Each structure stands twice: as structure tokens, then as C-alpha cells.
Amino acid sequence: MLGGMVSNQQTRPGIGELAKDTSRGRIGVVMGKLGGRVQMQIRPVGGGKEWDAIPDRVEPPSAREELSARLAIKNGNSRGGL
């Protein structure tokens, strides 16, 4: 029965969403898709270098990972005014 199956393509984070690159163990924001790869840019440290990730190794972060990344972004933003 294929009716209940969801493809990995549908469960992967989209552009602008937080994502985990499981091959590197890093959380980043999906910036775009180029060919057969997903390009991500790490955000928690006030920007950073983009890296290419293999689509099959990109998944949504766990709730804990997402909260940690969002808190790091917020903390980085609050330091900007000091």
C-alpha cells in the first residue's frame, strides 16, 4: 500500500527553514537547492559560510535542536546592540 507512505522529498525542510545536516551534525537554514544538493547556511553564529549538503542527509531538527538554534540566534541578535 503506497497510500500511507510519504516521500522523503516532502519531509525535507524547505528554503528558509531550519534543517539538520546529519552528515556534519550541524543545524542551519536552507538557502537554496542546486542540482542534486541542498545548500545550507549556518545562522546561529551571526552568519557563516554556506556548505552543500546531500539531500538524503538533510532532515528537520528535533524540537530540542530547533529551540537551541533559535535561542542562539536570539542571543546573537541581542549582543549586536552592546
PDB file of N, CA and C in Angstrom:
ATOM      1  N   MET A   1       0.834  -1.182   0.000  1.00  0.00           N
ATOM      2  CA  MET A   1       0.000   0.000   0.000  1.00  0.00           C
ATOM      3  C   MET A   1       0.878   1.243   0.000  1.00  0.00           C
ATOM      4  N   LEU A   2       0.795   2.034  -1.013  1.00  0.00           N
ATOM      5  CA  LEU A   2       1.579   3.246  -1.102  1.00  0.00           C
ATOM      6  C   LEU A   2       0.827   4.472  -0.598  1.00  0.00           C
ATOM      7  N   GLY A   3      -0.448   4.340  -0.375  1.00  0.00           N
ATOM      8  CA  GLY A   3      -1.266   5.481   0.021  1.00  0.00           C
ATOM      9  C   GLY A   3      -0.814   6.143   1.299  1.00  0.00           C
ATOM     10  N   GLY A   4      -0.305   5.384   2.277  1.00  0.00           N
ATOM     11  CA  GLY A   4       0.095   5.955   3.550  1.00  0.00           C
ATOM     12  C   GLY A   4       1.544   6.373   3.609  1.00  0.00           C
ATOM     13  N   MET A   5       2.286   6.142   2.539  1.00  0.00           N
ATOM     14  CA  MET A   5       3.710   6.462   2.561  1.00  0.00           C
ATOM     15  C   MET A   5       3.927   7.926   2.163  1.00  0.00           C
ATOM     16  N   VAL A   6       4.898   8.556   2.804  1.00  0.00           N
ATOM     17  CA  VAL A   6       5.266   9.926   2.491  1.00  0.00           C
ATOM     18  C   VAL A   6       6.690   9.898   1.976  1.00  0.00           C
ATOM     19  N   SER A   7       6.950  10.556   0.861  1.00  0.00           N
ATOM     20  CA  SER A   7       8.300  10.553   0.315  1.00  0.00           C
ATOM     21  C   SER A   7       9.210  11.442   1.154  1.00  0.00           C
ATOM     22  N   ASN A   8      10.497  11.135   1.138  1.00  0.00           N
ATOM     23  CA  ASN A   8      11.476  11.937   1.866  1.00  0.00           C
ATOM     24  C   ASN A   8      11.523  13.350   1.315  1.00  0.00           C
ATOM     25  N   GLN A   9      11.212  13.535   0.038  1.00  0.00           N
ATOM     26  CA  GLN A   9      11.197  14.860  -0.574  1.00  0.00           C
ATOM     27  C   GLN A   9      10.215  15.773   0.145  1.00  0.00           C
ATOM     28  N   GLN A  10       9.075  15.238   0.576  1.00  0.00           N
ATOM     29  CA  GLN A  10       8.062  16.048   1.232  1.00  0.00           C
ATOM     30  C   GLN A  10       8.419  16.354   2.677  1.00  0.00           C
ATOM     31  N   THR A  11       9.254  15.547   3.311  1.00  0.00           N
ATOM     32  CA  THR A  11       9.575  15.754   4.713  1.00  0.00           C
ATOM     33  C   THR A  11      10.835  16.584   4.904  1.00  0.00           C
ATOM     34  N   ARG A  12      11.568  16.871   3.841  1.00  0.00           N
ATOM     35  CA  ARG A  12      12.767  17.693   3.951  1.00  0.00           C
ATOM     36  C   ARG A  12      12.400  19.149   4.158  1.00  0.00           C
ATOM     37  N   PRO A  13      13.197  19.870   4.958  1.00  0.00           N
ATOM     38  CA  PRO A  13      12.927  21.293   5.165  1.00  0.00           C
ATOM     39  C   PRO A  13      13.014  22.073   3.855  1.00  0.00           C
ATOM     40  N   GLY A  14      12.196  23.095   3.744  1.00  0.00           N
ATOM     41  CA  GLY A  14      12.192  23.935   2.559  1.00  0.00           C
ATOM     42  C   GLY A  14      13.103  25.140   2.725  1.00  0.00           C
ATOM     43  N   ILE A  15      13.190  25.932   1.695  1.00  0.00           N
ATOM     44  CA  ILE A  15      14.018  27.135   1.714  1.00  0.00           C
ATOM     45  C   ILE A  15      13.539  28.061   2.833  1.00  0.00           C
ATOM     46  N   GLY A  16      14.491  28.547   3.628  1.00  0.00           N
ATOM     47  CA  GLY A  16      14.189  29.435   4.742  1.00  0.00           C
ATOM     48  C   GLY A  16      13.910  28.725   6.051  1.00  0.00           C
ATOM     49  N   GLU A  17      13.837  27.397   6.025  1.00  0.00           N
ATOM     50  CA  GLU A  17      13.550  26.631   7.237  1.00  0.00           C
ATOM     51  C   GLU A  17      14.828  26.090   7.860  1.00  0.00           C
ATOM     52  N   LEU A  18      14.781  25.891   9.181  1.00  0.00           N
ATOM     53  CA  LEU A  18      15.897  25.258   9.866  1.00  0.00           C
ATOM     54  C   LEU A  18      15.994  23.801   9.433  1.00  0.00           C
ATOM     55  N   ALA A  19      17.215  23.319   9.320  1.00  0.00           N
ATOM     56  CA  ALA A  19      17.447  21.947   8.886  1.00  0.00           C
ATOM     57  C   ALA A  19      18.696  21.410   9.574  1.00  0.00           C
ATOM     58  N   LYS A  20      18.770  20.103   9.692  1.00  0.00           N
ATOM     59  CA  LYS A  20      19.948  19.448  10.254  1.00  0.00           C
ATOM     60  C   LYS A  20      20.642  18.668   9.151  1.00  0.00           C
ATOM     61  N   ASP A  21      21.922  18.932   8.982  1.00  0.00           N
ATOM     62  CA  ASP A  21      22.764  18.163   8.063  1.00  0.00           C
ATOM     63  C   ASP A  21      23.344  17.034   8.909  1.00  0.00           C
ATOM     64  N   THR A  22      22.784  15.844   8.763  1.00  0.00           N
ATOM     65  CA  THR A  22      23.189  14.726   9.622  1.00  0.00           C
ATOM     66  C   THR A  22      24.602  14.253   9.340  1.00  0.00           C
ATOM     67  N   SER A  23      25.129  14.512   8.149  1.00  0.00           N
ATOM     68  CA  SER A  23      26.500  14.088   7.856  1.00  0.00           C
ATOM     69  C   SER A  23      27.512  14.958   8.596  1.00  0.00           C
ATOM     70  N   ARG A  24      27.140  16.187   8.938  1.00  0.00           N
ATOM     71  CA  ARG A  24      28.036  17.090   9.667  1.00  0.00           C
ATOM     72  C   ARG A  24      27.586  17.328  11.097  1.00  0.00           C
ATOM     73  N   GLY A  25      26.346  16.951  11.401  1.00  0.00           N
ATOM     74  CA  GLY A  25      25.813  17.203  12.739  1.00  0.00           C
ATOM     75  C   GLY A  25      25.608  18.689  13.010  1.00  0.00           C
ATOM     76  N   ARG A  26      25.295  19.455  11.966  1.00  0.00           N
ATOM     77  CA  ARG A  26      25.120  20.902  12.097  1.00  0.00           C
ATOM     78  C   ARG A  26      23.699  21.306  11.746  1.00  0.00           C
ATOM     79  N   ILE A  27      23.250  22.362  12.409  1.00  0.00           N
ATOM     80  CA  ILE A  27      21.944  22.947  12.132  1.00  0.00           C
ATOM     81  C   ILE A  27      22.175  24.213  11.326  1.00  0.00           C
ATOM     82  N   GLY A  28      21.350  24.424  10.319  1.00  0.00           N
ATOM     83  CA  GLY A  28      21.468  25.624   9.508  1.00  0.00           C
ATOM     84  C   GLY A  28      20.137  25.970   8.885  1.00  0.00           C
ATOM     85  N   VAL A  29      20.160  26.975   8.045  1.00  0.00           N
ATOM     86  CA  VAL A  29      18.969  27.413   7.324  1.00  0.00           C
ATOM     87  C   VAL A  29      19.147  27.048   5.863  1.00  0.00           C
ATOM     88  N   VAL A  30      18.137  26.407   5.273  1.00  0.00           N
ATOM     89  CA  VAL A  30      18.205  26.054   3.855  1.00  0.00           C
ATOM     90  C   VAL A  30      18.119  27.350   3.054  1.00  0.00           C
ATOM     91  N   MET A  31      19.166  27.607   2.270  1.00  0.00           N
ATOM     92  CA  MET A  31      19.245  28.839   1.499  1.00  0.00           C
ATOM     93  C   MET A  31      18.826  28.644   0.054  1.00  0.00           C
ATOM     94  N   GLY A  32      18.908  27.429  -0.432  1.00  0.00           N
ATOM     95  CA  GLY A  32      18.535  27.157  -1.805  1.00  0.00           C
ATOM     96  C   GLY A  32      18.854  25.728  -2.161  1.00  0.00           C
ATOM     97  N   LYS A  33      18.447  25.341  -3.322  1.00  0.00           N
ATOM     98  CA  LYS A  33      18.705  23.989  -3.807  1.00  0.00           C
ATOM     99  C   LYS A  33      19.379  24.105  -5.163  1.00  0.00           C
ATOM    100  N   LEU A  34      20.506  23.446  -5.290  1.00  0.00           N
ATOM    101  CA  LEU A  34      21.271  23.481  -6.530  1.00  0.00           C
ATOM    102  C   LEU A  34      21.460  22.062  -7.032  1.00  0.00           C
ATOM    103  N   GLY A  35      20.886  21.733  -8.153  1.00  0.00           N
ATOM    104  CA  GLY A  35      21.028  20.392  -8.706  1.00  0.00           C
ATOM    105  C   GLY A  35      20.560  19.343  -7.716  1.00  0.00           C
ATOM    106  N   GLY A  36      21.399  18.342  -7.479  1.00  0.00           N
ATOM    107  CA  GLY A  36      21.050  17.251  -6.575  1.00  0.00           C
ATOM    108  C   GLY A  36      21.481  17.487  -5.154  1.00  0.00           C
ATOM    109  N   ARG A  37      21.875  18.719  -4.814  1.00  0.00           N
ATOM    110  CA  ARG A  37      22.339  19.005  -3.464  1.00  0.00           C
ATOM    111  C   ARG A  37      21.484  20.109  -2.845  1.00  0.00           C
ATOM    112  N   VAL A  38      21.519  20.203  -1.537  1.00  0.00           N
ATOM    113  CA  VAL A  38      20.822  21.263  -0.814  1.00  0.00           C
ATOM    114  C   VAL A  38      21.897  22.182  -0.260  1.00  0.00           C
ATOM    115  N   GLN A  39      21.786  23.467  -0.509  1.00  0.00           N
ATOM    116  CA  GLN A  39      22.764  24.404   0.011  1.00  0.00           C
ATOM    117  C   GLN A  39      22.204  25.024   1.284  1.00  0.00           C
ATOM    118  N   MET A  40      22.994  24.988   2.341  1.00  0.00           N
ATOM    119  CA  MET A  40      22.558  25.494   3.630  1.00  0.00           C
ATOM    120  C   MET A  40      23.556  26.523   4.139  1.00  0.00           C
ATOM    121  N   GLN A  41      23.072  27.463   4.924  1.00  0.00           N
ATOM    122  CA  GLN A  41      23.958  28.418   5.587  1.00  0.00           C
ATOM    123  C   GLN A  41      23.670  28.359   7.074  1.00  0.00           C
ATOM    124  N   ILE A  42      24.714  28.221   7.854  1.00  0.00           N
ATOM    125  CA  ILE A  42      24.554  28.173   9.300  1.00  0.00           C
ATOM    126  C   ILE A  42      24.235  29.575   9.808  1.00  0.00           C
ATOM    127  N   ARG A  43      23.289  29.710  10.697  1.00  0.00           N
ATOM    128  CA  ARG A  43      22.849  31.016  11.170  1.00  0.00           C
ATOM    129  C   ARG A  43      23.196  31.324  12.630  1.00  0.00           C
ATOM    130  N   PRO A  44      23.276  30.359  13.524  1.00  0.00           N
ATOM    131  CA  PRO A  44      23.389  30.682  14.942  1.00  0.00           C
ATOM    132  C   PRO A  44      24.568  31.559  15.349  1.00  0.00           C
ATOM    133  N   VAL A  45      25.633  31.602  14.596  1.00  0.00           N
ATOM    134  CA  VAL A  45      26.780  32.421  14.979  1.00  0.00           C
ATOM    135  C   VAL A  45      26.874  33.678  14.130  1.00  0.00           C
ATOM    136  N   GLY A  46      25.756  34.341  13.940  1.00  0.00           N
ATOM    137  CA  GLY A  46      25.741  35.599  13.211  1.00  0.00           C
ATOM    138  C   GLY A  46      26.117  35.472  11.752  1.00  0.00           C
ATOM    139  N   GLY A  47      25.754  34.383  11.134  1.00  0.00           N
ATOM    140  CA  GLY A  47      26.091  34.139   9.735  1.00  0.00           C
ATOM    141  C   GLY A  47      27.127  33.038   9.649  1.00  0.00           C
ATOM    142  N   GLY A  48      27.783  32.946   8.560  1.00  0.00           N
ATOM    143  CA  GLY A  48      28.785  31.910   8.391  1.00  0.00           C
ATOM    144  C   GLY A  48      28.851  31.464   6.946  1.00  0.00           C
ATOM    145  N   LYS A  49      29.784  30.589   6.688  1.00  0.00           N
ATOM    146  CA  LYS A  49      29.965  30.092   5.323  1.00  0.00           C
ATOM    147  C   LYS A  49      28.896  29.061   4.982  1.00  0.00           C
ATOM    148  N   GLU A  50      28.402  29.162   3.772  1.00  0.00           N
ATOM    149  CA  GLU A  50      27.443  28.176   3.287  1.00  0.00           C
ATOM    150  C   GLU A  50      28.172  26.886   2.966  1.00  0.00           C
ATOM    151  N   TRP A  51      27.460  25.780   3.085  1.00  0.00           N
ATOM    152  CA  TRP A  51      28.023  24.500   2.683  1.00  0.00           C
ATOM    153  C   TRP A  51      26.972  23.709   1.948  1.00  0.00           C
ATOM    154  N   ASP A  52      27.412  22.790   1.107  1.00  0.00           N
ATOM    155  CA  ASP A  52      26.498  21.921   0.376  1.00  0.00           C
ATOM    156  C   ASP A  52      26.230  20.677   1.201  1.00  0.00           C
ATOM    157  N   ALA A  53      24.991  20.232   1.163  1.00  0.00           N
ATOM    158  CA  ALA A  53      24.590  19.029   1.883  1.00  0.00           C
ATOM    159  C   ALA A  53      23.889  18.085   0.918  1.00  0.00           C
ATOM    160  N   ILE A  54      24.066  16.806   1.121  1.00  0.00           N
ATOM    161  CA  ILE A  54      23.385  15.791   0.322  1.00  0.00           C
ATOM    162  C   ILE A  54      21.930  15.731   0.791  1.00  0.00           C
ATOM    163  N   PRO A  55      20.963  15.874  -0.108  1.00  0.00           N
ATOM    164  CA  PRO A  55      19.561  15.931   0.293  1.00  0.00           C
ATOM    165  C   PRO A  55      19.116  14.786   1.206  1.00  0.00           C
ATOM    166  N   ASP A  56      19.616  13.576   0.962  1.00  0.00           N
ATOM    167  CA  ASP A  56      19.213  12.442   1.803  1.00  0.00           C
ATOM    168  C   ASP A  56      19.749  12.545   3.223  1.00  0.00           C
ATOM    169  N   ARG A  57      20.666  13.481   3.460  1.00  0.00           N
ATOM    170  CA  ARG A  57      21.253  13.677   4.791  1.00  0.00           C
ATOM    171  C   ARG A  57      20.712  14.927   5.476  1.00  0.00           C
ATOM    172  N   VAL A  58      19.681  15.535   4.910  1.00  0.00           N
ATOM    173  CA  VAL A  58      19.077  16.742   5.476  1.00  0.00           C
ATOM    174  C   VAL A  58      17.701  16.380   6.012  1.00  0.00           C
ATOM    175  N   GLU A  59      17.463  16.761   7.259  1.00  0.00           N
ATOM    176  CA  GLU A  59      16.174  16.467   7.896  1.00  0.00           C
ATOM    177  C   GLU A  59      15.803  17.608   8.827  1.00  0.00           C
ATOM    178  N   PRO A  60      14.544  17.672   9.216  1.00  0.00           N
ATOM    179  CA  PRO A  60      14.162  18.699  10.192  1.00  0.00           C
ATOM    180  C   PRO A  60      14.888  18.434  11.510  1.00  0.00           C
ATOM    181  N   PRO A  61      15.298  19.482  12.222  1.00  0.00           N
ATOM    182  CA  PRO A  61      15.928  19.276  13.518  1.00  0.00           C
ATOM    183  C   PRO A  61      14.886  18.811  14.537  1.00  0.00           C
ATOM    184  N   SER A  62      15.368  18.167  15.598  1.00  0.00           N
ATOM    185  CA  SER A  62      14.458  17.798  16.687  1.00  0.00           C
ATOM    186  C   SER A  62      13.974  19.086  17.351  1.00  0.00           C
ATOM    187  N   ALA A  63      12.940  18.974  18.154  1.00  0.00           N
ATOM    188  CA  ALA A  63      12.404  20.153  18.851  1.00  0.00           C
ATOM    189  C   ALA A  63      13.489  20.784  19.722  1.00  0.00           C
ATOM    190  N   ARG A  64      14.285  19.987  20.380  1.00  0.00           N
ATOM    191  CA  ARG A  64      15.360  20.493  21.241  1.00  0.00           C
ATOM    192  C   ARG A  64      16.429  21.212  20.407  1.00  0.00           C
ATOM    193  N   GLU A  65      16.805  20.627  19.272  1.00  0.00           N
ATOM    194  CA  GLU A  65      17.804  21.248  18.396  1.00  0.00           C
ATOM    195  C   GLU A  65      17.293  22.574  17.833  1.00  0.00           C
ATOM    196  N   GLU A  66      16.029  22.594  17.449  1.00  0.00           N
ATOM    197  CA  GLU A  66      15.445  23.823  16.906  1.00  0.00           C
ATOM    198  C   GLU A  66      15.405  24.915  17.963  1.00  0.00           C
ATOM    199  N   LEU A  67      14.979  24.571  19.184  1.00  0.00           N
ATOM    200  CA  LEU A  67      14.926  25.545  20.268  1.00  0.00           C
ATOM    201  C   LEU A  67      16.316  26.099  20.568  1.00  0.00           C
ATOM    202  N   SER A  68      17.312  25.231  20.607  1.00  0.00           N
ATOM    203  CA  SER A  68      18.685  25.643  20.869  1.00  0.00           C
ATOM    204  C   SER A  68      19.187  26.598  19.783  1.00  0.00           C
ATOM    205  N   ALA A  69      18.916  26.277  18.511  1.00  0.00           N
ATOM    206  CA  ALA A  69      19.346  27.125  17.399  1.00  0.00           C
ATOM    207  C   ALA A  69      18.649  28.481  17.458  1.00  0.00           C
ATOM    208  N   ARG A  70      17.346  28.475  17.724  1.00  0.00           N
ATOM    209  CA  ARG A  70      16.604  29.743  17.787  1.00  0.00           C
ATOM    210  C   ARG A  70      17.076  30.608  18.960  1.00  0.00           C
ATOM    211  N   LEU A  71      17.392  29.981  20.089  1.00  0.00           N
ATOM    212  CA  LEU A  71      17.900  30.716  21.245  1.00  0.00           C
ATOM    213  C   LEU A  71      19.269  31.321  20.932  1.00  0.00           C
ATOM    214  N   ALA A  72      20.119  30.565  20.240  1.00  0.00           N
ATOM    215  CA  ALA A  72      21.438  31.080  19.866  1.00  0.00           C
ATOM    216  C   ALA A  72      21.301  32.273  18.923  1.00  0.00           C
ATOM    217  N   ILE A  73      20.363  32.205  17.985  1.00  0.00           N
ATOM    218  CA  ILE A  73      20.122  33.317  17.063  1.00  0.00           C
ATOM    219  C   ILE A  73      19.659  34.537  17.851  1.00  0.00           C
ATOM    220  N   LYS A  74      18.714  34.325  18.760  1.00  0.00           N
ATOM    221  CA  LYS A  74      18.182  35.437  19.561  1.00  0.00           C
ATOM    222  C   LYS A  74      19.280  36.044  20.425  1.00  0.00           C
ATOM    223  N   ASN A  75      20.110  35.215  21.054  1.00  0.00           N
ATOM    224  CA  ASN A  75      21.205  35.721  21.875  1.00  0.00           C
ATOM    225  C   ASN A  75      22.198  36.503  21.027  1.00  0.00           C
ATOM    226  N   GLY A  76      22.483  36.019  19.834  1.00  0.00           N
ATOM    227  CA  GLY A  76      23.393  36.734  18.931  1.00  0.00           C
ATOM    228  C   GLY A  76      22.834  38.085  18.543  1.00  0.00           C
ATOM    229  N   ASN A  77      21.524  38.139  18.308  1.00  0.00           N
ATOM    230  CA  ASN A  77      20.882  39.403  17.936  1.00  0.00           C
ATOM    231  C   ASN A  77      20.917  40.395  19.095  1.00  0.00           C
ATOM    232  N   SER A  78      20.770  39.919  20.323  1.00  0.00           N
ATOM    233  CA  SER A  78      20.749  40.823  21.473  1.00  0.00           C
ATOM    234  C   SER A  78      22.131  41.385  21.755  1.00  0.00           C
ATOM    235  N   ARG A  79      23.189  40.669  21.387  1.00  0.00           N
ATOM    236  CA  ARG A  79      24.550  41.155  21.595  1.00  0.00           C
ATOM    237  C   ARG A  79      24.925  42.238  20.591  1.00  0.00           C
ATOM    238  N   GLY A  80      24.191  42.312  19.495  1.00  0.00           N
ATOM    239  CA  GLY A  80      24.525  43.272  18.451  1.00  0.00           C
ATOM    240  C   GLY A  80      24.456  44.717  18.920  1.00  0.00           C
ATOM    241  N   GLY A  81      23.606  45.015  19.892  1.00  0.00           N
ATOM    242  CA  GLY A  81      23.463  46.379  20.368  1.00  0.00           C
ATOM    243  C   GLY A  81      24.421  46.752  21.479  1.00  0.00           C
ATOM    244  N   LEU A  82      25.171  45.802  21.983  1.00  0.00           N
ATOM    245  CA  LEU A  82      26.079  46.097  23.101  1.00  0.00           C
ATOM    246  C   LEU A  82      27.401  46.614  22.639  1.00  0.00           C
TER     247      LEU A  82
END
